[in-house]
């Protein structure tokens, strides 16, 4: 199998004051927390958002493994809808010592370039900062982090920086070259 060099940028906010929110897009965009853990829905979002940018790390997970991820205390999925249709999502992964990672974030391709991404990222980062308010017993958030790589959308890194995320590490590593499976096999054929 061939490999390619992939650059990964690691970013963070260390205070809620770091967040620079984007304006809400015009139209009927609503962001709602998916409160019922649903491996099927989460896999749909993951494949639909990441299928054209080589998100493959979760494709081999079983239904039980998806459920385990979604049922961890403090794990949250926030979904952007435009006029009732899922447009994208942000998945929050609570970790130790007041860290919340934005594990996955993105838009379904048909919704990109419509000013939804900055708004959804702003909303997701704000929910990372106030996560402890919804989860009694959880320590307050002290750091929100995320990463993006050279395989992600061309505007991803700039969007993160505009929202107030600061770069704290960069790494380059050879990764197996994989196709872009899309939301289903052959979607981009």
Protein backbone atom coordinates (compact mmCIF):
# COMPACT_ATOMS: atom_id res chain seq x y z
CA UNK A 1 0.00 0.00 0.00
CA UNK A 2 1.32 3.43 -0.87
CA UNK A 3 1.63 6.22 1.67
CA UNK A 4 1.45 9.99 1.67
CA UNK A 5 2.82 12.64 4.01
CA UNK A 6 0.05 14.21 6.06
CA UNK A 7 0.52 17.36 8.11
CA UNK A 8 -1.54 17.55 11.30
CA UNK A 9 -2.04 20.84 13.11
CA UNK A 10 -2.99 20.80 16.81
CA UNK A 11 -4.92 23.81 18.07
CA UNK A 12 -6.35 24.96 21.39
CA UNK A 13 -8.21 27.58 23.34
CA UNK A 14 -7.30 28.03 27.00
CA UNK A 15 -10.05 30.44 28.01
CA UNK A 16 -13.65 30.98 26.92
CA UNK A 17 -12.51 34.54 26.12
CA UNK A 18 -10.41 33.08 23.27
CA UNK A 19 -13.55 32.21 21.30
CA UNK A 20 -14.30 34.62 18.47
CA UNK A 21 -17.77 33.61 17.29
CA UNK A 22 -18.82 33.73 13.66
CA UNK A 23 -22.05 35.38 12.70
CA UNK A 24 -25.05 33.11 12.32
CA UNK A 25 -25.84 32.39 8.68
CA UNK A 26 -29.02 33.73 7.16
CA UNK A 27 -31.86 31.29 6.76
CA UNK A 28 -33.19 28.48 8.82
CA UNK A 29 -30.05 27.01 10.42
CA UNK A 30 -30.66 25.45 13.82
CA UNK A 31 -28.16 23.60 16.03
CA UNK A 32 -29.56 20.86 18.25
CA UNK A 33 -27.93 18.41 20.62
CA UNK A 34 -28.50 14.77 19.68
CA UNK A 35 -29.39 13.64 23.20
CA UNK A 36 -30.28 10.03 22.39
CA UNK A 37 -27.12 8.03 21.61
CA UNK A 38 -27.65 6.57 18.14
CA UNK A 39 -24.74 4.73 16.51
CA UNK A 40 -26.64 4.68 13.23
CA UNK A 41 -27.14 8.46 13.16
CA UNK A 42 -23.60 9.19 14.32
CA UNK A 43 -22.15 6.89 11.66
CA UNK A 44 -24.33 8.61 9.05
CA UNK A 45 -22.93 12.01 10.11
CA UNK A 46 -19.35 10.73 10.20
CA UNK A 47 -19.56 9.17 6.73
CA UNK A 48 -21.50 12.03 5.18
CA UNK A 49 -19.18 14.75 6.51
CA UNK A 50 -15.86 12.94 6.25
CA UNK A 51 -16.34 10.67 3.29
CA UNK A 52 -14.72 13.02 0.79
CA UNK A 53 -11.79 13.97 3.07
CA UNK A 54 -10.58 10.48 3.97
CA UNK A 55 -12.17 10.03 7.39
CA UNK A 56 -11.73 6.29 7.73
CA UNK A 57 -10.57 5.68 11.33
CA UNK A 58 -14.08 4.85 12.59
CA UNK A 59 -15.39 2.92 9.60
CA UNK A 60 -14.38 -0.44 11.07
CA UNK A 61 -16.03 0.14 14.46
CA UNK A 62 -18.84 -2.15 15.53
CA UNK A 63 -22.26 -0.94 16.60
CA UNK A 64 -21.25 -1.63 20.23
CA UNK A 65 -18.05 0.43 19.86
CA UNK A 66 -20.01 3.37 18.43
CA UNK A 67 -22.48 3.12 21.32
CA UNK A 68 -19.62 3.07 23.85
CA UNK A 69 -18.20 6.31 22.39
CA UNK A 70 -21.59 8.02 22.42
CA UNK A 71 -22.57 6.93 25.94
CA UNK A 72 -19.48 8.18 27.76
CA UNK A 73 -20.49 10.77 30.36
CA UNK A 74 -20.07 14.22 28.88
CA UNK A 75 -19.81 13.08 25.26
CA UNK A 76 -22.05 15.26 23.13
CA UNK A 77 -23.00 15.55 19.48
CA UNK A 78 -24.42 18.85 18.22
CA UNK A 79 -26.05 18.80 14.79
CA UNK A 80 -26.67 21.74 12.47
CA UNK A 81 -29.89 21.51 10.47
CA UNK A 82 -30.93 23.69 7.58
CA UNK A 83 -34.70 23.66 7.17
CA UNK A 84 -34.88 20.24 8.86
CA UNK A 85 -32.01 18.61 6.95
CA UNK A 86 -28.76 17.64 8.72
CA UNK A 87 -26.00 19.94 7.44
CA UNK A 88 -23.08 19.02 9.71
CA UNK A 89 -22.03 18.25 13.24
CA UNK A 90 -19.57 18.74 16.04
CA UNK A 91 -18.67 15.92 18.45
CA UNK A 92 -17.32 16.81 21.90
CA UNK A 93 -15.08 14.36 23.70
CA UNK A 94 -14.58 15.14 27.42
CA UNK A 95 -11.19 14.15 28.76
CA UNK A 96 -9.34 14.36 32.05
CA UNK A 97 -8.12 17.52 33.76
CA UNK A 98 -10.73 19.87 32.31
CA UNK A 99 -9.92 19.17 28.66
CA UNK A 100 -12.65 18.89 26.03
CA UNK A 101 -11.63 17.83 22.54
CA UNK A 102 -13.63 18.70 19.47
CA UNK A 103 -13.21 15.21 18.14
CA UNK A 104 -15.07 15.64 14.86
CA UNK A 105 -16.43 18.70 13.15
CA UNK A 106 -17.57 19.40 9.64
CA UNK A 107 -20.31 19.89 7.11
CA UNK A 108 -21.90 17.59 4.57
CA UNK A 109 -20.47 18.67 1.20
CA UNK A 110 -23.74 20.18 -0.09
CA UNK A 111 -23.72 22.63 2.84
CA UNK A 112 -20.13 23.85 2.58
CA UNK A 113 -19.39 27.41 1.49
CA UNK A 114 -22.65 28.78 2.92
CA UNK A 115 -21.31 30.32 6.16
CA UNK A 116 -22.65 27.45 8.28
CA UNK A 117 -19.24 26.04 9.30
CA UNK A 118 -17.98 29.05 11.25
CA UNK A 119 -21.28 29.32 13.08
CA UNK A 120 -21.36 25.59 13.91
CA UNK A 121 -17.73 25.65 15.10
CA UNK A 122 -18.44 28.71 17.27
CA UNK A 123 -21.46 27.01 18.78
CA UNK A 124 -19.58 23.76 19.36
CA UNK A 125 -16.63 25.51 21.02
CA UNK A 126 -19.03 27.42 23.29
CA UNK A 127 -20.68 24.10 24.25
CA UNK A 128 -17.23 22.67 25.02
CA UNK A 129 -16.60 25.59 27.37
CA UNK A 130 -19.93 25.17 29.20
CA UNK A 131 -19.97 21.35 29.15
CA UNK A 132 -19.71 21.09 32.97
CA UNK A 133 -22.98 23.03 33.27
CA UNK A 134 -24.79 20.10 31.63
CA UNK A 135 -22.85 17.31 33.37
CA UNK A 136 -22.98 17.55 37.19
CA UNK A 137 -19.75 16.43 38.80
CA UNK A 138 -17.60 17.28 35.79
CA UNK A 139 -14.76 19.73 36.38
CA UNK A 140 -15.05 23.05 34.54
CA UNK A 141 -13.43 23.14 31.12
CA UNK A 142 -9.95 24.65 31.16
CA UNK A 143 -8.85 23.81 27.62
CA UNK A 144 -10.62 23.09 24.34
CA UNK A 145 -8.52 21.45 21.69
CA UNK A 146 -8.86 20.01 18.22
CA UNK A 147 -6.75 19.00 15.29
CA UNK A 148 -7.00 19.21 11.55
CA UNK A 149 -4.83 17.83 8.81
CA UNK A 150 -3.81 18.44 5.23
CA UNK A 151 -6.49 15.97 4.08
CA UNK A 152 -9.31 18.09 5.54
CA UNK A 153 -11.11 20.83 3.67
CA UNK A 154 -9.00 23.69 2.36
CA UNK A 155 -10.64 26.23 4.70
CA UNK A 156 -10.54 24.13 7.89
CA UNK A 157 -7.37 25.51 9.47
CA UNK A 158 -8.28 29.12 8.66
CA UNK A 159 -11.76 28.65 10.17
CA UNK A 160 -10.28 27.30 13.41
CA UNK A 161 -7.87 30.21 13.66
CA UNK A 162 -10.61 32.77 12.96
CA UNK A 163 -12.59 31.27 15.85
CA UNK A 164 -9.66 31.93 18.21
CA UNK A 165 -7.91 28.56 18.24
CA UNK A 166 -4.12 28.81 18.52
CA UNK A 167 -1.61 26.40 17.04
CA UNK A 168 0.43 24.52 19.66
CA UNK A 169 1.96 21.69 17.63
CA UNK A 170 2.47 20.53 14.04
CA UNK A 171 3.47 17.05 12.96
CA UNK A 172 4.10 15.42 9.61
CA UNK A 173 3.73 11.67 9.29
CA UNK A 174 3.44 9.14 6.50
CA UNK A 175 -0.05 7.64 6.42
CA UNK A 176 -1.49 4.95 4.18
CA UNK A 177 -3.04 6.46 1.07
CA UNK A 178 -6.74 5.67 1.26
CA UNK A 179 -9.59 6.49 -1.05
CA UNK A 180 -12.44 8.79 -0.20
CA UNK A 181 -15.30 6.39 0.47
CA UNK A 182 -18.04 8.98 0.70
CA UNK A 183 -21.21 8.28 2.63
CA UNK A 184 -21.48 4.98 0.73
CA UNK A 185 -19.15 3.02 -1.56
CA UNK A 186 -18.89 4.63 -4.98
CA UNK A 187 -20.52 7.91 -3.93
CA UNK A 188 -17.87 9.97 -5.69
CA UNK A 189 -17.40 7.68 -8.70
